Amino acid sequence: MSPDSRPDVERVRTVLRHLIDLSGLSRHKLQKRLRDDGNGAYLAGVLNGRLQLKLRHVLDLVRVLDLQPLELFRLGLPRTFRAEPAHPEAQHSGFSPRVRLAHGPARGSFFQARR
């Protein structure tokens, strides 16, 4: 049994495998690119389910595949993401209203403050 027996994690793993196939990169070349960046010893284990899929694996893989993490999660977890923002103002900021309220307009961007 896979360490990630949750169906949603398995869907993300499957989407990762498909995206790798669609990228035109061989797994060997992908592994080499990951290793060149100081990562990648885990690729086969993560893709076949022997190793637990972790956020760092996802981030490493989408970077090498030249994707945004959100693209992967939208494909792997389609019911989690709506086609339209839940609130009209969300489309302008890129954040949901709840996230925007958490950092508030008067204090500036949450992400700018941490740069």
Protein backbone atom coordinates (compact mmCIF):
# COMPACT_ATOMS: atom_id res chain seq x y z
CA MET A 1 0.00 0.00 0.00
CA SER A 2 1.18 3.50 -0.84
CA PRO A 3 2.15 5.81 2.02
CA ASP A 4 -0.32 8.25 0.38
CA SER A 5 -3.41 6.10 0.21
CA ARG A 6 -5.71 9.14 0.16
CA PRO A 7 -7.52 9.39 -3.18
CA ASP A 8 -6.76 13.10 -3.59
CA VAL A 9 -3.02 12.56 -3.13
CA GLU A 10 -3.11 9.68 -5.59
CA ARG A 11 -4.90 11.91 -8.14
CA VAL A 12 -2.18 14.55 -7.80
CA ARG A 13 0.48 11.85 -8.22
CA THR A 14 -1.28 10.59 -11.37
CA VAL A 15 -1.52 14.12 -12.79
CA LEU A 16 2.19 14.60 -12.09
CA ARG A 17 3.00 11.46 -14.07
CA HIS A 18 0.83 12.64 -16.98
CA LEU A 19 2.38 16.12 -16.95
CA ILE A 20 5.84 14.58 -17.03
CA ASP A 21 4.82 12.44 -20.00
CA LEU A 22 3.34 15.47 -21.78
CA SER A 23 6.44 17.58 -21.11
CA GLY A 24 8.49 15.55 -23.56
CA LEU A 25 11.20 15.06 -20.95
CA SER A 26 12.31 11.54 -20.27
CA ARG A 27 12.25 10.58 -16.62
CA HIS A 28 16.02 10.22 -16.82
CA LYS A 29 16.40 13.82 -18.06
CA LEU A 30 13.92 15.07 -15.45
CA GLN A 31 15.86 13.23 -12.75
CA LYS A 32 19.08 14.83 -14.01
CA ARG A 33 17.57 18.32 -13.91
CA LEU A 34 16.33 17.76 -10.38
CA ARG A 35 19.74 16.44 -9.29
CA ASP A 36 21.50 19.40 -10.93
CA ASP A 37 19.43 21.58 -8.59
CA GLY A 38 20.37 19.47 -5.57
CA ASN A 39 17.17 17.39 -5.56
CA GLY A 40 15.75 14.44 -7.38
CA ALA A 41 16.89 11.28 -5.65
CA TYR A 42 13.23 10.65 -4.86
CA LEU A 43 11.59 10.86 -8.31
CA ALA A 44 10.88 7.18 -8.97
CA GLY A 45 9.70 6.54 -5.41
CA VAL A 46 7.35 9.52 -5.41
CA LEU A 47 5.88 8.71 -8.81
CA ASN A 48 5.28 5.02 -8.11
CA GLY A 49 3.93 5.57 -4.59
CA ARG A 50 6.75 4.06 -2.53
CA LEU A 51 7.52 7.48 -1.04
CA GLN A 52 5.10 9.96 0.44
CA LEU A 53 4.38 12.89 -1.87
CA LYS A 54 5.44 16.07 -0.09
CA LEU A 55 5.06 19.71 -0.96
CA ARG A 56 8.78 20.07 -1.63
CA HIS A 57 8.53 17.30 -4.24
CA VAL A 58 5.62 19.04 -5.94
CA LEU A 59 7.43 22.39 -5.94
CA ASP A 60 10.64 20.87 -7.34
CA LEU A 61 8.77 19.04 -10.08
CA VAL A 62 6.56 21.90 -11.22
CA ARG A 63 9.60 24.20 -11.32
CA VAL A 64 11.53 21.82 -13.57
CA LEU A 65 8.42 21.27 -15.71
CA ASP A 66 7.97 25.07 -15.95
CA LEU A 67 4.48 24.98 -14.43
CA GLN A 68 2.81 26.84 -11.61
CA PRO A 69 1.81 24.73 -8.60
CA LEU A 70 -1.77 25.95 -8.95
CA GLU A 71 -1.95 24.41 -12.42
CA LEU A 72 -1.11 21.01 -10.98
CA PHE A 73 -3.57 21.34 -8.12
CA ARG A 74 -6.38 22.52 -10.40
CA LEU A 75 -5.88 19.43 -12.53
CA GLY A 76 -5.42 17.03 -9.63
CA LEU A 77 -8.09 18.45 -7.34
CA PRO A 78 -10.75 19.84 -9.69
CA ARG A 79 -13.58 19.94 -7.15
CA THR A 80 -11.48 22.09 -4.85
CA PHE A 81 -11.26 24.94 -7.35
CA ARG A 82 -14.20 26.79 -8.84
CA ALA A 83 -14.21 28.02 -12.41
CA GLU A 84 -15.35 31.46 -11.21
CA PRO A 85 -14.20 33.26 -8.05
CA ALA A 86 -16.69 32.95 -5.20
CA HIS A 87 -16.63 36.73 -4.70
CA PRO A 88 -16.44 39.35 -7.51
CA GLU A 89 -13.50 41.19 -5.91
CA ALA A 90 -11.43 38.00 -5.72
CA GLN A 91 -10.74 38.05 -9.45
CA HIS A 92 -8.96 41.40 -9.13
CA SER A 93 -6.63 40.51 -6.30
CA GLY A 94 -5.92 36.87 -7.05
CA PHE A 95 -6.89 36.04 -3.47
CA SER A 96 -10.17 34.97 -1.94
CA PRO A 97 -11.94 37.55 0.24
CA ARG A 98 -10.97 35.60 3.37
CA VAL A 99 -7.26 35.80 2.51
CA ARG A 100 -7.49 39.49 1.63
CA LEU A 101 -9.20 40.19 4.96
CA ALA A 102 -6.44 38.35 6.80
CA HIS A 103 -3.80 40.82 5.68
CA GLY A 104 -6.07 43.83 5.10
CA PRO A 105 -5.68 46.57 2.49
CA ALA A 106 -4.23 49.11 4.93
CA ARG A 107 -1.20 46.97 5.75
CA GLY A 108 -0.23 46.25 2.17
CA SER A 109 0.38 42.94 0.57
CA PHE A 110 1.10 39.95 2.77
CA PHE A 111 3.75 38.81 0.32
CA GLN A 112 5.42 42.20 -0.17
CA ALA A 113 5.88 42.56 3.57
CA ARG A 114 7.95 39.35 3.68
CA ARG A 115 10.32 40.10 0.81
